[in-house]
C-alpha atoms as a PDB file:
ATOM      1  CA  MET A   1      -0.987   0.706  17.615  1.00  0.00           C
ATOM      2  CA  VAL A   2      -2.624   2.414  14.802  1.00  0.00           C
ATOM      3  CA  ARG A   3       0.210   5.416  15.234  1.00  0.00           C
ATOM      4  CA  TRP A   4       2.886   2.635  14.731  1.00  0.00           C
ATOM      5  CA  THR A   5       1.129   1.633  11.574  1.00  0.00           C
ATOM      6  CA  GLY A   6       0.391   5.040   9.977  1.00  0.00           C
ATOM      7  CA  LEU A   7       3.968   5.474  10.482  1.00  0.00           C
ATOM      8  CA  LEU A   8       5.587   2.469   9.183  1.00  0.00           C
ATOM      9  CA  PHE A   9       3.251   3.343   6.171  1.00  0.00           C
ATOM     10  CA  VAL A  10       4.914   6.997   6.246  1.00  0.00           C
ATOM     11  CA  VAL A  11       8.444   5.827   6.126  1.00  0.00           C
ATOM     12  CA  GLY A  12       7.214   3.084   3.382  1.00  0.00           C
ATOM     13  CA  ALA A  13       5.754   5.593   1.165  1.00  0.00           C
ATOM     14  CA  ALA A  14       8.539   8.462   1.726  1.00  0.00           C
ATOM     15  CA  LEU A  15      11.162   5.817   0.772  1.00  0.00           C
ATOM     16  CA  PHE A  16       9.201   4.641  -2.561  1.00  0.00           C
ATOM     17  CA  ALA A  17       8.954   8.346  -3.680  1.00  0.00           C
ATOM     18  CA  LEU A  18      12.760   9.003  -2.790  1.00  0.00           C
ATOM     19  CA  GLY A  19      13.780   5.892  -4.774  1.00  0.00           C
ATOM     20  CA  VAL A  20      12.351   7.369  -7.632  1.00  0.00           C
ATOM     21  CA  LEU A  21      14.265  10.751  -7.170  1.00  0.00           C
ATOM     22  CA  LEU A  22      17.127   8.898  -6.937  1.00  0.00           C
ATOM     23  CA  SER A  23      16.911   6.928  -9.833  1.00  0.00           C
ATOM     24  CA  LEU A  24      16.840  10.243 -11.897  1.00  0.00           C
ATOM     25  CA  LEU A  25      20.094  11.531 -10.868  1.00  0.00           C
ATOM     26  CA  PRO A  26      22.783  10.764 -13.236  1.00  0.00           C
ATOM     27  CA  ALA A  27      25.314  10.411 -10.190  1.00  0.00           C
ATOM     28  CA  SER A  28      23.228   7.765  -8.334  1.00  0.00           C
ATOM     29  CA  PRO A  29      23.564   4.241  -9.270  1.00  0.00           C
ATOM     30  CA  PRO A  30      20.816   2.446  -9.778  1.00  0.00           C
ATOM     31  CA  LEU A  31      21.446  -0.198  -6.803  1.00  0.00           C
ATOM     32  CA  LEU A  32      20.941   2.723  -4.504  1.00  0.00           C
ATOM     33  CA  SER A  33      17.137   3.536  -5.844  1.00  0.00           C
ATOM     34  CA  ALA A  34      16.911  -0.350  -6.026  1.00  0.00           C
ATOM     35  CA  VAL A  35      17.755  -0.709  -2.642  1.00  0.00           C
ATOM     36  CA  THR A  36      15.482   2.111  -1.397  1.00  0.00           C
ATOM     37  CA  TYR A  37      12.508   0.740  -3.023  1.00  0.00           C
ATOM     38  CA  ALA A  38      13.392  -2.966  -0.913  1.00  0.00           C
ATOM     39  CA  ILE A  39      13.765  -1.436   2.251  1.00  0.00           C
ATOM     40  CA  GLY A  40      10.577   0.978   1.777  1.00  0.00           C
ATOM     41  CA  ALA A  41       8.111  -2.482   0.830  1.00  0.00           C
ATOM     42  CA  VAL A  42       9.822  -4.306   3.912  1.00  0.00           C
ATOM     43  CA  PHE A  43       8.102  -0.756   6.187  1.00  0.00           C
ATOM     44  CA  PHE A  44       5.043  -1.566   3.737  1.00  0.00           C
ATOM     45  CA  THR A  45       4.658  -4.996   4.942  1.00  0.00           C
ATOM     46  CA  ALA A  46       5.140  -4.448   8.525  1.00  0.00           C
ATOM     47  CA  ALA A  47       2.355  -1.703   8.733  1.00  0.00           C
ATOM     48  CA  ALA A  48       0.343  -4.154   6.615  1.00  0.00           C
ATOM     49  CA  THR A  49       0.739  -6.798   9.047  1.00  0.00           C
ATOM     50  CA  LEU A  50      -0.086  -4.143  12.112  1.00  0.00           C
ATOM     51  CA  GLN A  51      -3.162  -3.310   9.679  1.00  0.00           C
ATOM     52  CA  LEU A  52      -4.445  -6.986   9.764  1.00  0.00           C
ATOM     53  CA  VAL A  53      -3.946  -7.184  13.651  1.00  0.00           C
ATOM     54  CA  LEU A  54      -5.647  -4.055  14.119  1.00  0.00           C
ATOM     55  CA  ALA A  55      -8.711  -5.667  11.697  1.00  0.00           C
ATOM     56  CA  ARG A  56      -8.741  -8.840  14.082  1.00  0.00           C
ATOM     57  CA  ARG A  57      -9.061  -6.926  17.165  1.00  0.00           C
ATOM     58  CA  GLU A  58     -12.437  -5.895  15.919  1.00  0.00           C
ATOM     59  CA  LEU A  59     -13.553  -9.177  15.357  1.00  0.00           C
ATOM     60  CA  PRO A  60     -16.029 -10.465  17.947  1.00  0.00           C
ATOM     61  CA  ASP A  61     -14.625 -12.840  20.138  1.00  0.00           C
ATOM     62  CA  ALA A  62     -15.598 -15.947  18.669  1.00  0.00           C
ATOM     63  CA  GLU A  63     -14.050 -14.909  15.431  1.00  0.00           C
ATOM     64  CA  ARG A  64     -10.910 -13.742  16.959  1.00  0.00           C
ATOM     65  CA  ARG A  65     -10.016 -17.075  18.412  1.00  0.00           C
ATOM     66  CA  SER A  66     -10.913 -18.654  15.123  1.00  0.00           C
ATOM     67  CA  LEU A  67      -8.349 -19.520  12.402  1.00  0.00           C
ATOM     68  CA  PRO A  68      -7.441 -16.702  10.530  1.00  0.00           C
ATOM     69  CA  LEU A  69      -9.059 -17.543   7.218  1.00  0.00           C
ATOM     70  CA  ARG A  70     -12.392 -17.902   8.832  1.00  0.00           C
ATOM     71  CA  ALA A  71     -12.324 -14.181   9.869  1.00  0.00           C
ATOM     72  CA  ARG A  72     -14.471 -12.926   7.405  1.00  0.00           C
ATOM     73  CA  THR A  73     -15.320  -9.254   7.796  1.00  0.00           C
ATOM     74  CA  THR A  74     -15.122  -7.488   4.890  1.00  0.00           C
ATOM     75  CA  ASP A  75     -12.306  -4.884   6.866  1.00  0.00           C
ATOM     76  CA  TRP A  76     -10.123  -8.120   7.549  1.00  0.00           C
ATOM     77  CA  LEU A  77     -10.285  -8.931   3.697  1.00  0.00           C
ATOM     78  CA  ALA A  78      -9.142  -5.650   2.715  1.00  0.00           C
ATOM     79  CA  ALA A  79      -6.093  -6.069   5.151  1.00  0.00           C
ATOM     80  CA  ALA A  80      -5.420  -9.639   4.335  1.00  0.00           C
ATOM     81  CA  ILE A  81      -5.122  -8.741   0.601  1.00  0.00           C
ATOM     82  CA  GLN A  82      -3.054  -5.804   1.530  1.00  0.00           C
ATOM     83  CA  LEU A  83      -0.693  -7.505   3.301  1.00  0.00           C
ATOM     84  CA  VAL A  84      -0.254 -10.128  -0.040  1.00  0.00           C
ATOM     85  CA  GLY A  85       0.113  -7.071  -2.082  1.00  0.00           C
ATOM     86  CA  THR A  86       3.172  -5.387  -0.207  1.00  0.00           C
ATOM     87  CA  VAL A  87       4.847  -9.361   0.058  1.00  0.00           C
ATOM     88  CA  LEU A  88       4.579  -9.245  -3.486  1.00  0.00           C
ATOM     89  CA  PHE A  89       6.494  -5.870  -3.637  1.00  0.00           C
ATOM     90  CA  ASN A  90       8.677  -7.185  -1.367  1.00  0.00           C
ATOM     91  CA  VAL A  91       9.724  -9.988  -3.877  1.00  0.00           C
ATOM     92  CA  ASN A  92       9.145  -7.482  -6.612  1.00  0.00           C
ATOM     93  CA  THR A  93      11.898  -4.823  -5.120  1.00  0.00           C
ATOM     94  CA  MET A  94      14.405  -7.515  -3.807  1.00  0.00           C
ATOM     95  CA  ASP A  95      14.751  -9.175  -7.277  1.00  0.00           C
ATOM     96  CA  ALA A  96      14.978  -5.952  -8.702  1.00  0.00           C
ATOM     97  CA  ALA A  97      17.843  -5.310  -6.729  1.00  0.00           C
ATOM     98  CA  VAL A  98      19.624  -8.678  -7.683  1.00  0.00           C
ATOM     99  CA  SER A  99      18.303  -8.217 -11.670  1.00  0.00           C
ATOM    100  CA  ILE A 100      20.247  -5.125 -12.581  1.00  0.00           C
ATOM    101  CA  GLY A 101      21.529  -5.678 -16.031  1.00  0.00           C
ATOM    102  CA  ALA A 102      19.252  -9.140 -16.392  1.00  0.00           C
ATOM    103  CA  ARG A 103      17.681 -10.164 -19.495  1.00  0.00           C
ATOM    104  CA  PRO A 104      14.507  -8.291 -20.481  1.00  0.00           C
ATOM    105  CA  GLU A 105      12.411 -11.674 -20.578  1.00  0.00           C
ATOM    106  CA  LEU A 106      14.196 -12.316 -17.015  1.00  0.00           C
ATOM    107  CA  VAL A 107      13.264  -8.940 -15.518  1.00  0.00           C
ATOM    108  CA  ASP A 108       9.618  -9.631 -16.728  1.00  0.00           C
ATOM    109  CA  VAL A 109       9.013 -12.925 -14.697  1.00  0.00           C
ATOM    110  CA  GLU A 110      10.950 -12.426 -11.681  1.00  0.00           C
ATOM    111  CA  VAL A 111      10.147  -8.132 -11.217  1.00  0.00           C
ATOM    112  CA  TRP A 112       7.463  -7.056 -13.385  1.00  0.00           C
ATOM    113  CA  VAL A 113       4.928 -10.150 -12.410  1.00  0.00           C
ATOM    114  CA  PRO A 114       5.057  -9.707  -9.004  1.00  0.00           C
ATOM    115  CA  ASP A 115       4.975  -6.066  -9.473  1.00  0.00           C
ATOM    116  CA  ILE A 116       1.839  -6.073 -11.285  1.00  0.00           C
ATOM    117  CA  VAL A 117       0.103  -8.263  -9.266  1.00  0.00           C
ATOM    118  CA  GLY A 118       1.009  -6.710  -5.759  1.00  0.00           C
ATOM    119  CA  SER A 119      -0.374  -3.661  -7.609  1.00  0.00           C
ATOM    120  CA  VAL A 120      -3.611  -5.212  -8.455  1.00  0.00           C
ATOM    121  CA  ALA A 121      -4.000  -6.475  -4.943  1.00  0.00           C
ATOM    122  CA  PHE A 122      -3.464  -3.109  -3.695  1.00  0.00           C
ATOM    123  CA  LEU A 123      -5.879  -1.504  -6.250  1.00  0.00           C
ATOM    124  CA  VAL A 124      -8.521  -4.421  -4.843  1.00  0.00           C
ATOM    125  CA  SER A 125      -7.641  -3.785  -1.341  1.00  0.00           C
ATOM    126  CA  SER A 126      -8.000  -0.066  -1.118  1.00  0.00           C
ATOM    127  CA  ALA A 127     -11.505  -0.565  -3.482  1.00  0.00           C
ATOM    128  CA  ILE A 128     -12.919  -2.332  -0.419  1.00  0.00           C
ATOM    129  CA  ALA A 129     -11.140   0.112   2.054  1.00  0.00           C
ATOM    130  CA  ILE A 130     -13.720   2.673   0.355  1.00  0.00           C
ATOM    131  CA  VAL A 131     -16.864   0.825   1.781  1.00  0.00           C
ATOM    132  CA  PRO A 132     -18.425   2.581   4.369  1.00  0.00           C
ATOM    133  CA  GLU A 133     -18.540  -1.091   6.793  1.00  0.00           C
ATOM    134  CA  VAL A 134     -14.830  -1.040   6.377  1.00  0.00           C
ATOM    135  CA  ARG A 135     -13.947   2.516   7.043  1.00  0.00           C
ATOM    136  CA  ALA A 136     -16.530   2.481  10.437  1.00  0.00           C
ATOM    137  CA  ARG A 137     -14.217  -0.181  11.382  1.00  0.00           C
ATOM    138  CA  ARG A 138     -10.884   1.093  10.222  1.00  0.00           C
ATOM    139  CA  HIS A 139     -11.561   4.733  11.287  1.00  0.00           C
ATOM    140  CA  SER A 140     -13.442   5.221  13.805  1.00  0.00           C
ATOM    141  CA  HIS A 141     -10.470   7.308  15.391  1.00  0.00           C
ATOM    142  CA  VAL A 142     -10.389   9.901  12.656  1.00  0.00           C
ATOM    143  CA  ALA A 143     -13.957   9.811  11.013  1.00  0.00           C
ATOM    144  CA  ASN A 144     -13.592  13.225   9.415  1.00  0.00           C
ATOM    145  CA  ALA A 145     -10.678  12.487   7.661  1.00  0.00           C
ATOM    146  CA  SER A 146     -12.123   8.844   6.560  1.00  0.00           C
ATOM    147  CA  GLN A 147     -13.138   9.869   3.136  1.00  0.00           C
ATOM    148  CA  ARG A 148      -9.833  11.542   1.859  1.00  0.00           C
ATOM    149  CA  ILE A 149      -7.514   8.456   3.729  1.00  0.00           C
ATOM    150  CA  ALA A 150      -9.765   5.712   1.619  1.00  0.00           C
ATOM    151  CA  PHE A 151      -9.889   7.889  -1.473  1.00  0.00           C
ATOM    152  CA  LEU A 152      -6.079   8.702  -1.123  1.00  0.00           C
ATOM    153  CA  ASN A 153      -5.581   5.206  -1.042  1.00  0.00           C
ATOM    154  CA  PHE A 154      -7.546   4.293  -3.776  1.00  0.00           C
ATOM    155  CA  ALA A 155      -5.786   6.965  -6.152  1.00  0.00           C
ATOM    156  CA  GLY A 156      -2.217   5.859  -4.819  1.00  0.00           C
ATOM    157  CA  SER A 157      -2.921   2.083  -5.697  1.00  0.00           C
ATOM    158  CA  VAL A 158      -4.666   3.320  -9.201  1.00  0.00           C
ATOM    159  CA  LEU A 159      -1.040   5.096  -9.619  1.00  0.00           C
ATOM    160  CA  PHE A 160       0.917   2.218  -8.788  1.00  0.00           C
ATOM    161  CA  LEU A 161      -1.160  -0.015 -10.980  1.00  0.00           C
ATOM    162  CA  ALA A 162       0.271   2.326 -13.749  1.00  0.00           C
ATOM    163  CA  SER A 163       3.669   2.550 -12.745  1.00  0.00           C
ATOM    164  CA  ALA A 164       3.548  -1.277 -12.970  1.00  0.00           C
ATOM    165  CA  ALA A 165       2.257  -1.147 -16.323  1.00  0.00           C
ATOM    166  CA  GLY A 166       4.775   1.483 -17.396  1.00  0.00           C
ATOM    167  CA  ALA A 167       7.404  -0.590 -15.860  1.00  0.00           C
ATOM    168  CA  LEU A 168       7.249  -3.618 -18.168  1.00  0.00           C
ATOM    169  CA  VAL A 169      10.322  -4.420 -19.661  1.00  0.00           C
ATOM    170  CA  LEU A 170      10.168  -4.889 -23.897  1.00  0.00           C
ATOM    171  CA  ARG A 171      12.401  -7.160 -25.762  1.00  0.00           C
ATOM    172  CA  SER A 172      14.360  -4.072 -26.844  1.00  0.00           C
ATOM    173  CA  GLY A 173      15.614  -3.737 -22.750  1.00  0.00           C
ATOM    174  CA  ALA A 174      13.517  -0.546 -22.801  1.00  0.00           C
ATOM    175  CA  ASP A 175      10.548   0.172 -20.172  1.00  0.00           C
ATOM    176  CA  VAL A 176       6.877   0.557 -21.782  1.00  0.00           C
ATOM    177  CA  SER A 177       6.841   3.914 -20.493  1.00  0.00           C
ATOM    178  CA  LEU A 178       9.630   5.043 -17.736  1.00  0.00           C
ATOM    179  CA  ALA A 179       7.623   8.548 -17.195  1.00  0.00           C
ATOM    180  CA  TRP A 180       4.868   6.506 -16.367  1.00  0.00           C
ATOM    181  CA  ALA A 181       6.565   4.276 -14.236  1.00  0.00           C
ATOM    182  CA  ASN A 182       8.411   7.167 -12.314  1.00  0.00           C
ATOM    183  CA  ILE A 183       5.485   9.370 -11.982  1.00  0.00           C
ATOM    184  CA  GLY A 184       2.684   6.539 -10.607  1.00  0.00           C
ATOM    185  CA  THR A 185       5.514   5.280  -7.998  1.00  0.00           C
ATOM    186  CA  PHE A 186       5.895   9.314  -7.393  1.00  0.00           C
ATOM    187  CA  PHE A 187       2.374  10.357  -6.933  1.00  0.00           C
ATOM    188  CA  GLY A 188       1.356   7.320  -5.624  1.00  0.00           C
ATOM    189  CA  ALA A 189       3.840   6.979  -2.994  1.00  0.00           C
ATOM    190  CA  LEU A 190       2.642  10.793  -1.861  1.00  0.00           C
ATOM    191  CA  CYS A 191      -0.863   9.441  -2.066  1.00  0.00           C
ATOM    192  CA  PHE A 192      -0.134   6.638   0.583  1.00  0.00           C
ATOM    193  CA  LEU A 193       2.111   8.863   2.715  1.00  0.00           C
ATOM    194  CA  VAL A 194      -0.540  11.673   3.490  1.00  0.00           C
ATOM    195  CA  ALA A 195      -3.540   9.109   3.984  1.00  0.00           C
ATOM    196  CA  ALA A 196      -0.911   7.172   6.264  1.00  0.00           C
ATOM    197  CA  TRP A 197      -0.157  10.699   7.963  1.00  0.00           C
ATOM    198  CA  LEU A 198      -4.207  11.451   8.694  1.00  0.00           C
ATOM    199  CA  PHE A 199      -4.331   7.712   9.994  1.00  0.00           C
ATOM    200  CA  GLY A 200      -1.723   7.972  12.538  1.00  0.00           C
ATOM    201  CA  TRP A 201      -2.311  11.756  13.527  1.00  0.00           C
ATOM    202  CA  PRO A 202      -5.653  12.688  12.628  1.00  0.00           C
ATOM    203  CA  PRO A 203      -7.310  16.212  12.972  1.00  0.00           C
ATOM    204  CA  PRO A 204      -8.720  17.307  15.834  1.00  0.00           C
ATOM    205  CA  GLN A 205     -12.826  15.757  15.508  1.00  0.00           C
ATOM    206  CA  PRO A 206     -15.617  17.894  15.813  1.00  0.00           C
ATOM    207  CA  ARG A 207     -17.430  16.803  19.155  1.00  0.00           C
ATOM    208  CA  GLY A 208     -19.560  13.394  18.456  1.00  0.00           C
ATOM    209  CA  ALA A 209     -18.043  12.519  14.981  1.00  0.00           C
ATOM    210  CA  ARG A 210     -16.604   9.497  16.015  1.00  0.00           C
ATOM    211  CA  GLY A 211     -20.070   8.054  17.477  1.00  0.00           C
ATOM    212  CA  LYS A 212     -21.554   9.311  14.123  1.00  0.00           C
ATOM    213  CA  LEU A 213     -19.354   7.316  11.527  1.00  0.00           C
ATOM    214  CA  HIS A 214     -20.584   3.673  13.779  1.00  0.00           C
ATOM    215  CA  ARG A 215     -24.252   5.048  13.858  1.00  0.00           C
ATOM    216  CA  GLU A 216     -24.538   5.713  10.023  1.00  0.00           C
ATOM    217  CA  THR A 217     -22.939   2.226   9.094  1.00  0.00           C
ATOM    218  CA  PRO A 218     -24.683  -0.987   9.747  1.00  0.00           C
ATOM    219  CA  GLN A 219     -21.532  -3.519  11.251  1.00  0.00           C
ATOM    220  CA  LEU A 220     -21.283  -6.825   9.253  1.00  0.00           C
END
């Protein structure tokens, strides 16, 4: 399941990066890039769902048998917030695909609000995931790349938030900063792609690295 989670995140991130490139092509219709983003968001949600399942697997038996909202490890919390963010990206990207040419006020409510809230959710989730206790649970199979994965995801979340801020549509119909919207999305997606690749296809670990991450980090 770890590899499937990584693969789904890789595909989702690649589609977001591709969506930016398509939007920059003069001959490419806006709907094509919008649909590309929407499909990428579906892959993100599928990956985030698997990550939440993986987080529950790490719970003690009593916690795992309880209702989902009672599973209170920090790893589970980070995964749950991330899933909320991806669902908001589903709303954002699907609304964007059907709102091309709509009034700026409508775009801001139906497209931008889910975008900015989803980006904040990603940032909160990735900040929590930097905590050593979370990395110990989530990256035990890739201890030697754990910090790189966590900080790449955090950098990607910061860039996605910058992209969302730049995508606010003014009354004139122009974005606050189309350049920032594209730069943040493209390079944020690349950060997520590399992090997901390291998560799903980890480099060889030195002998004893897996156990070291667990021993040095107390479990909650």
